[in-house]
Amino acid sequence: MAKAPPWAEVKLRVAFGDVPEFSDELVISSTGRRYQVIGVRGKQLRCLVLPPDAPTEPGTRVWAWQWVGRRRTG
């Protein structure tokens, strides 16, 4: 799967733990890739991919995030 370019909208899903809120920022621990949460529905998140040099607004909660394998049923 190809990486989405900066400012693209992507969908992420919370596998475990707390669910981030609108406007929170997610940072993938292993790669440093950043996402801004723009929508929350249950455990599904709509996010914008942030460019590496995008500033973080003061007061924004930043979450250390990690990928988890997905179980596909068929």
PDB file of N, CA and C in Angstrom:
ATOM      1  N   MET A   1       0.837  -1.175   0.000  1.00  0.00           N
ATOM      2  CA  MET A   1       0.000   0.000   0.000  1.00  0.00           C
ATOM      3  C   MET A   1       0.887   1.244   0.000  1.00  0.00           C
ATOM      4  N   ALA A   2       0.615   2.164  -0.908  1.00  0.00           N
ATOM      5  CA  ALA A   2       1.402   3.388  -1.020  1.00  0.00           C
ATOM      6  C   ALA A   2       1.024   4.372   0.080  1.00  0.00           C
ATOM      7  N   LYS A   3       2.004   5.165   0.497  1.00  0.00           N
ATOM      8  CA  LYS A   3       1.733   6.186   1.504  1.00  0.00           C
ATOM      9  C   LYS A   3       0.915   7.310   0.893  1.00  0.00           C
ATOM     10  N   ALA A   4      -0.014   7.818   1.668  1.00  0.00           N
ATOM     11  CA  ALA A   4      -0.821   8.961   1.228  1.00  0.00           C
ATOM     12  C   ALA A   4       0.046  10.223   1.284  1.00  0.00           C
ATOM     13  N   PRO A   5      -0.124  11.133   0.334  1.00  0.00           N
ATOM     14  CA  PRO A   5       0.667  12.370   0.337  1.00  0.00           C
ATOM     15  C   PRO A   5       0.178  13.324   1.427  1.00  0.00           C
ATOM     16  N   PRO A   6       1.001  14.330   1.760  1.00  0.00           N
ATOM     17  CA  PRO A   6       0.562  15.326   2.746  1.00  0.00           C
ATOM     18  C   PRO A   6      -0.761  15.964   2.342  1.00  0.00           C
ATOM     19  N   TRP A   7      -1.579  16.234   3.325  1.00  0.00           N
ATOM     20  CA  TRP A   7      -2.896  16.851   3.235  1.00  0.00           C
ATOM     21  C   TRP A   7      -3.970  15.911   2.683  1.00  0.00           C
ATOM     22  N   ALA A   8      -3.624  14.645   2.430  1.00  0.00           N
ATOM     23  CA  ALA A   8      -4.635  13.675   1.994  1.00  0.00           C
ATOM     24  C   ALA A   8      -5.467  13.249   3.204  1.00  0.00           C
ATOM     25  N   GLU A   9      -6.724  12.890   2.957  1.00  0.00           N
ATOM     26  CA  GLU A   9      -7.592  12.389   4.029  1.00  0.00           C
ATOM     27  C   GLU A   9      -7.482  10.875   4.059  1.00  0.00           C
ATOM     28  N   VAL A  10      -7.288  10.318   5.259  1.00  0.00           N
ATOM     29  CA  VAL A  10      -7.172   8.876   5.444  1.00  0.00           C
ATOM     30  C   VAL A  10      -8.084   8.445   6.586  1.00  0.00           C
ATOM     31  N   LYS A  11      -8.369   7.155   6.643  1.00  0.00           N
ATOM     32  CA  LYS A  11      -9.154   6.595   7.739  1.00  0.00           C
ATOM     33  C   LYS A  11      -8.261   5.681   8.558  1.00  0.00           C
ATOM     34  N   LEU A  12      -8.302   5.854   9.867  1.00  0.00           N
ATOM     35  CA  LEU A  12      -7.570   5.011  10.795  1.00  0.00           C
ATOM     36  C   LEU A  12      -8.569   4.432  11.785  1.00  0.00           C
ATOM     37  N   ARG A  13      -8.202   3.355  12.441  1.00  0.00           N
ATOM     38  CA  ARG A  13      -9.093   2.731  13.409  1.00  0.00           C
ATOM     39  C   ARG A  13      -8.324   2.467  14.696  1.00  0.00           C
ATOM     40  N   VAL A  14      -8.962   2.711  15.827  1.00  0.00           N
ATOM     41  CA  VAL A  14      -8.368   2.470  17.133  1.00  0.00           C
ATOM     42  C   VAL A  14      -8.522   0.984  17.448  1.00  0.00           C
ATOM     43  N   ALA A  15      -7.402   0.285  17.659  1.00  0.00           N
ATOM     44  CA  ALA A  15      -7.436  -1.145  17.962  1.00  0.00           C
ATOM     45  C   ALA A  15      -7.557  -1.384  19.470  1.00  0.00           C
ATOM     46  N   PHE A  16      -6.958  -0.508  20.265  1.00  0.00           N
ATOM     47  CA  PHE A  16      -7.020  -0.642  21.721  1.00  0.00           C
ATOM     48  C   PHE A  16      -6.719   0.708  22.351  1.00  0.00           C
ATOM     49  N   GLY A  17      -7.122   0.877  23.587  1.00  0.00           N
ATOM     50  CA  GLY A  17      -6.843   2.118  24.304  1.00  0.00           C
ATOM     51  C   GLY A  17      -7.897   3.190  24.079  1.00  0.00           C
ATOM     52  N   ASP A  18      -7.572   4.408  24.500  1.00  0.00           N
ATOM     53  CA  ASP A  18      -8.485   5.540  24.400  1.00  0.00           C
ATOM     54  C   ASP A  18      -8.607   6.030  22.962  1.00  0.00           C
ATOM     55  N   VAL A  19      -9.718   6.664  22.676  1.00  0.00           N
ATOM     56  CA  VAL A  19      -9.979   7.217  21.349  1.00  0.00           C
ATOM     57  C   VAL A  19      -9.631   8.705  21.359  1.00  0.00           C
ATOM     58  N   PRO A  20      -8.767   9.147  20.424  1.00  0.00           N
ATOM     59  CA  PRO A  20      -8.448  10.581  20.345  1.00  0.00           C
ATOM     60  C   PRO A  20      -9.681  11.393  19.977  1.00  0.00           C
ATOM     61  N   GLU A  21      -9.627  12.681  20.239  1.00  0.00           N
ATOM     62  CA  GLU A  21     -10.734  13.591  19.940  1.00  0.00           C
ATOM     63  C   GLU A  21     -10.401  14.434  18.717  1.00  0.00           C
ATOM     64  N   PHE A  22     -11.424  15.127  18.220  1.00  0.00           N
ATOM     65  CA  PHE A  22     -11.256  16.041  17.092  1.00  0.00           C
ATOM     66  C   PHE A  22     -10.109  17.011  17.378  1.00  0.00           C
ATOM     67  N   SER A  23      -9.270  17.230  16.422  1.00  0.00           N
ATOM     68  CA  SER A  23      -8.123  18.150  16.419  1.00  0.00           C
ATOM     69  C   SER A  23      -6.880  17.600  17.119  1.00  0.00           C
ATOM     70  N   ASP A  24      -6.956  16.422  17.738  1.00  0.00           N
ATOM     71  CA  ASP A  24      -5.753  15.823  18.318  1.00  0.00           C
ATOM     72  C   ASP A  24      -4.801  15.430  17.189  1.00  0.00           C
ATOM     73  N   GLU A  25      -3.527  15.306  17.523  1.00  0.00           N
ATOM     74  CA  GLU A  25      -2.521  14.911  16.548  1.00  0.00           C
ATOM     75  C   GLU A  25      -1.968  13.539  16.919  1.00  0.00           C
ATOM     76  N   LEU A  26      -1.796  12.686  15.922  1.00  0.00           N
ATOM     77  CA  LEU A  26      -1.235  11.353  16.113  1.00  0.00           C
ATOM     78  C   LEU A  26       0.150  11.325  15.481  1.00  0.00           C
ATOM     79  N   VAL A  27       1.121  10.759  16.186  1.00  0.00           N
ATOM     80  CA  VAL A  27       2.479  10.627  15.654  1.00  0.00           C
ATOM     81  C   VAL A  27       2.840   9.153  15.700  1.00  0.00           C
ATOM     82  N   ILE A  28       3.147   8.571  14.533  1.00  0.00           N
ATOM     83  CA  ILE A  28       3.538   7.170  14.462  1.00  0.00           C
ATOM     84  C   ILE A  28       4.948   7.052  15.034  1.00  0.00           C
ATOM     85  N   SER A  29       5.080   6.269  16.093  1.00  0.00           N
ATOM     86  CA  SER A  29       6.334   6.164  16.828  1.00  0.00           C
ATOM     87  C   SER A  29       7.505   5.734  15.944  1.00  0.00           C
ATOM     88  N   SER A  30       7.291   4.748  15.071  1.00  0.00           N
ATOM     89  CA  SER A  30       8.395   4.179  14.303  1.00  0.00           C
ATOM     90  C   SER A  30       8.838   5.050  13.126  1.00  0.00           C
ATOM     91  N   THR A  31       7.942   5.851  12.559  1.00  0.00           N
ATOM     92  CA  THR A  31       8.273   6.610  11.352  1.00  0.00           C
ATOM     93  C   THR A  31       8.257   8.124  11.535  1.00  0.00           C
ATOM     94  N   GLY A  32       7.577   8.613  12.556  1.00  0.00           N
ATOM     95  CA  GLY A  32       7.444  10.050  12.758  1.00  0.00           C
ATOM     96  C   GLY A  32       6.337  10.670  11.919  1.00  0.00           C
ATOM     97  N   ARG A  33       5.613   9.871  11.164  1.00  0.00           N
ATOM     98  CA  ARG A  33       4.505  10.368  10.326  1.00  0.00           C
ATOM     99  C   ARG A  33       3.411  10.927  11.232  1.00  0.00           C
ATOM    100  N   ARG A  34       2.794  12.046  10.797  1.00  0.00           N
ATOM    101  CA  ARG A  34       1.835  12.751  11.649  1.00  0.00           C
ATOM    102  C   ARG A  34       0.475  12.843  10.981  1.00  0.00           C
ATOM    103  N   TYR A  35      -0.566  12.770  11.825  1.00  0.00           N
ATOM    104  CA  TYR A  35      -1.945  12.857  11.364  1.00  0.00           C
ATOM    105  C   TYR A  35      -2.725  13.803  12.267  1.00  0.00           C
ATOM    106  N   GLN A  36      -3.635  14.583  11.694  1.00  0.00           N
ATOM    107  CA  GLN A  36      -4.528  15.463  12.453  1.00  0.00           C
ATOM    108  C   GLN A  36      -5.923  14.849  12.386  1.00  0.00           C
ATOM    109  N   VAL A  37      -6.551  14.608  13.538  1.00  0.00           N
ATOM    110  CA  VAL A  37      -7.886  14.011  13.581  1.00  0.00           C
ATOM    111  C   VAL A  37      -8.916  15.067  13.172  1.00  0.00           C
ATOM    112  N   ILE A  38      -9.716  14.748  12.140  1.00  0.00           N
ATOM    113  CA  ILE A  38     -10.743  15.683  11.676  1.00  0.00           C
ATOM    114  C   ILE A  38     -12.148  15.101  11.809  1.00  0.00           C
ATOM    115  N   GLY A  39     -12.240  13.883  12.313  1.00  0.00           N
ATOM    116  CA  GLY A  39     -13.553  13.274  12.513  1.00  0.00           C
ATOM    117  C   GLY A  39     -13.428  12.013  13.343  1.00  0.00           C
ATOM    118  N   VAL A  40     -14.401  11.786  14.217  1.00  0.00           N
ATOM    119  CA  VAL A  40     -14.401  10.603  15.076  1.00  0.00           C
ATOM    120  C   VAL A  40     -15.793   9.991  15.036  1.00  0.00           C
ATOM    121  N   ARG A  41     -15.862   8.718  14.750  1.00  0.00           N
ATOM    122  CA  ARG A  41     -17.129   7.984  14.785  1.00  0.00           C
ATOM    123  C   ARG A  41     -16.832   6.629  15.420  1.00  0.00           C
ATOM    124  N   GLY A  42     -17.158   6.507  16.706  1.00  0.00           N
ATOM    125  CA  GLY A  42     -16.829   5.271  17.425  1.00  0.00           C
ATOM    126  C   GLY A  42     -15.321   5.137  17.527  1.00  0.00           C
ATOM    127  N   LYS A  43     -14.786   4.039  16.948  1.00  0.00           N
ATOM    128  CA  LYS A  43     -13.337   3.820  16.954  1.00  0.00           C
ATOM    129  C   LYS A  43     -12.695   4.162  15.613  1.00  0.00           C
ATOM    130  N   GLN A  44     -13.488   4.679  14.693  1.00  0.00           N
ATOM    131  CA  GLN A  44     -12.959   5.064  13.395  1.00  0.00           C
ATOM    132  C   GLN A  44     -12.593   6.542  13.406  1.00  0.00           C
ATOM    133  N   LEU A  45     -11.408   6.850  12.868  1.00  0.00           N
ATOM    134  CA  LEU A  45     -10.909   8.218  12.820  1.00  0.00           C
ATOM    135  C   LEU A  45     -10.723   8.649  11.369  1.00  0.00           C
ATOM    136  N   ARG A  46     -11.170   9.847  11.033  1.00  0.00           N
ATOM    137  CA  ARG A  46     -10.830  10.484   9.766  1.00  0.00           C
ATOM    138  C   ARG A  46      -9.702  11.455  10.083  1.00  0.00           C
ATOM    139  N   CYS A  47      -8.627  11.374   9.316  1.00  0.00           N
ATOM    140  CA  CYS A  47      -7.444  12.178   9.615  1.00  0.00           C
ATOM    141  C   CYS A  47      -6.872  12.801   8.354  1.00  0.00           C
ATOM    142  N   LEU A  48      -6.163  13.901   8.544  1.00  0.00           N
ATOM    143  CA  LEU A  48      -5.362  14.511   7.487  1.00  0.00           C
ATOM    144  C   LEU A  48      -3.912  14.116   7.723  1.00  0.00           C
ATOM    145  N   VAL A  49      -3.221  13.741   6.651  1.00  0.00           N
ATOM    146  CA  VAL A  49      -1.788  13.468   6.742  1.00  0.00           C
ATOM    147  C   VAL A  49      -1.088  14.816   6.793  1.00  0.00           C
ATOM    148  N   LEU A  50      -0.284  15.036   7.812  1.00  0.00           N
ATOM    149  CA  LEU A  50       0.434  16.309   7.958  1.00  0.00           C
ATOM    150  C   LEU A  50       1.832  16.196   7.362  1.00  0.00           C
ATOM    151  N   PRO A  51       2.296  17.248   6.691  1.00  0.00           N
ATOM    152  CA  PRO A  51       3.688  17.238   6.223  1.00  0.00           C
ATOM    153  C   PRO A  51       4.625  17.318   7.433  1.00  0.00           C
ATOM    154  N   PRO A  52       5.840  16.820   7.278  1.00  0.00           N
ATOM    155  CA  PRO A  52       6.785  16.807   8.410  1.00  0.00           C
ATOM    156  C   PRO A  52       7.048  18.185   9.019  1.00  0.00           C
ATOM    157  N   ASP A  53       6.984  19.251   8.213  1.00  0.00           N
ATOM    158  CA  ASP A  53       7.315  20.591   8.707  1.00  0.00           C
ATOM    159  C   ASP A  53       6.096  21.390   9.169  1.00  0.00           C
ATOM    160  N   ALA A  54       4.912  20.770   9.203  1.00  0.00           N
ATOM    161  CA  ALA A  54       3.705  21.490   9.654  1.00  0.00           C
ATOM    162  C   ALA A  54       3.815  21.778  11.153  1.00  0.00           C
ATOM    163  N   PRO A  55       3.510  23.007  11.565  1.00  0.00           N
ATOM    164  CA  PRO A  55       3.603  23.336  12.991  1.00  0.00           C
ATOM    165  C   PRO A  55       2.458  22.683  13.784  1.00  0.00           C
ATOM    166  N   THR A  56       2.718  22.426  15.040  1.00  0.00           N
ATOM    167  CA  THR A  56       1.691  21.927  15.951  1.00  0.00           C
ATOM    168  C   THR A  56       1.147  23.111  16.733  1.00  0.00           C
ATOM    169  N   GLU A  57      -0.166  23.294  16.690  1.00  0.00           N
ATOM    170  CA  GLU A  57      -0.794  24.408  17.395  1.00  0.00           C
ATOM    171  C   GLU A  57      -0.605  24.261  18.910  1.00  0.00           C
ATOM    172  N   PRO A  58      -0.365  25.344  19.621  1.00  0.00           N
ATOM    173  CA  PRO A  58      -0.259  25.271  21.080  1.00  0.00           C
ATOM    174  C   PRO A  58      -1.557  24.719  21.675  1.00  0.00           C
ATOM    175  N   GLY A  59      -1.439  23.848  22.638  1.00  0.00           N
ATOM    176  CA  GLY A  59      -2.602  23.261  23.300  1.00  0.00           C
ATOM    177  C   GLY A  59      -3.132  22.002  22.630  1.00  0.00           C
ATOM    178  N   THR A  60      -2.561  21.617  21.486  1.00  0.00           N
ATOM    179  CA  THR A  60      -2.999  20.404  20.800  1.00  0.00           C
ATOM    180  C   THR A  60      -2.460  19.180  21.528  1.00  0.00           C
ATOM    181  N   ARG A  61      -3.355  18.215  21.776  1.00  0.00           N
ATOM    182  CA  ARG A  61      -2.895  16.965  22.392  1.00  0.00           C
ATOM    183  C   ARG A  61      -2.209  16.124  21.320  1.00  0.00           C
ATOM    184  N   VAL A  62      -1.023  15.619  21.636  1.00  0.00           N
ATOM    185  CA  VAL A  62      -0.258  14.791  20.710  1.00  0.00           C
ATOM    186  C   VAL A  62      -0.194  13.382  21.281  1.00  0.00           C
ATOM    187  N   TRP A  63      -0.615  12.408  20.463  1.00  0.00           N
ATOM    188  CA  TRP A  63      -0.643  11.007  20.870  1.00  0.00           C
ATOM    189  C   TRP A  63       0.475  10.245  20.172  1.00  0.00           C
ATOM    190  N   ALA A  64       1.209   9.432  20.939  1.00  0.00           N
ATOM    191  CA  ALA A  64       2.156   8.491  20.342  1.00  0.00           C
ATOM    192  C   ALA A  64       1.310   7.339  19.812  1.00  0.00           C
ATOM    193  N   TRP A  65       1.425   7.044  18.539  1.00  0.00           N
ATOM    194  CA  TRP A  65       0.562   6.081  17.871  1.00  0.00           C
ATOM    195  C   TRP A  65       1.402   4.956  17.304  1.00  0.00           C
ATOM    196  N   GLN A  66       0.816   3.774  17.156  1.00  0.00           N
ATOM    197  CA  GLN A  66       1.546   2.670  16.534  1.00  0.00           C
ATOM    198  C   GLN A  66       0.589   1.845  15.679  1.00  0.00           C
ATOM    199  N   TRP A  67       1.153   1.230  14.643  1.00  0.00           N
ATOM    200  CA  TRP A  67       0.380   0.369  13.765  1.00  0.00           C
ATOM    201  C   TRP A  67       0.193  -0.993  14.404  1.00  0.00           C
ATOM    202  N   VAL A  68      -0.938  -1.603  14.133  1.00  0.00           N
ATOM    203  CA  VAL A  68      -1.222  -2.959  14.604  1.00  0.00           C
ATOM    204  C   VAL A  68      -1.692  -3.755  13.396  1.00  0.00           C
ATOM    205  N   GLY A  69      -1.329  -5.023  13.347  1.00  0.00           N
ATOM    206  CA  GLY A  69      -1.774  -5.873  12.242  1.00  0.00           C
ATOM    207  C   GLY A  69      -3.286  -5.958  12.197  1.00  0.00           C
ATOM    208  N   ARG A  70      -3.815  -6.109  11.003  1.00  0.00           N
ATOM    209  CA  ARG A  70      -5.269  -6.169  10.833  1.00  0.00           C
ATOM    210  C   ARG A  70      -5.676  -7.591  10.510  1.00  0.00           C
ATOM    211  N   ARG A  71      -6.679  -8.084  11.237  1.00  0.00           N
ATOM    212  CA  ARG A  71      -7.198  -9.417  10.948  1.00  0.00           C
ATOM    213  C   ARG A  71      -8.289  -9.294   9.900  1.00  0.00           C
ATOM    214  N   ARG A  72      -8.068  -9.926   8.790  1.00  0.00           N
ATOM    215  CA  ARG A  72      -9.065  -9.897   7.717  1.00  0.00           C
ATOM    216  C   ARG A  72      -9.854 -11.195   7.745  1.00  0.00           C
ATOM    217  N   THR A  73     -11.153 -11.055   7.665  1.00  0.00           N
ATOM    218  CA  THR A  73     -12.006 -12.231   7.601  1.00  0.00           C
ATOM    219  C   THR A  73     -12.569 -12.343   6.189  1.00  0.00           C
ATOM    220  N   GLY A  74     -12.703 -13.536   5.707  1.00  0.00           N
ATOM    221  CA  GLY A  74     -13.134 -13.638   4.332  1.00  0.00           C
ATOM    222  C   GLY A  74     -14.141 -14.615   4.077  1.00  0.00           C
TER     223      GLY A  74
END
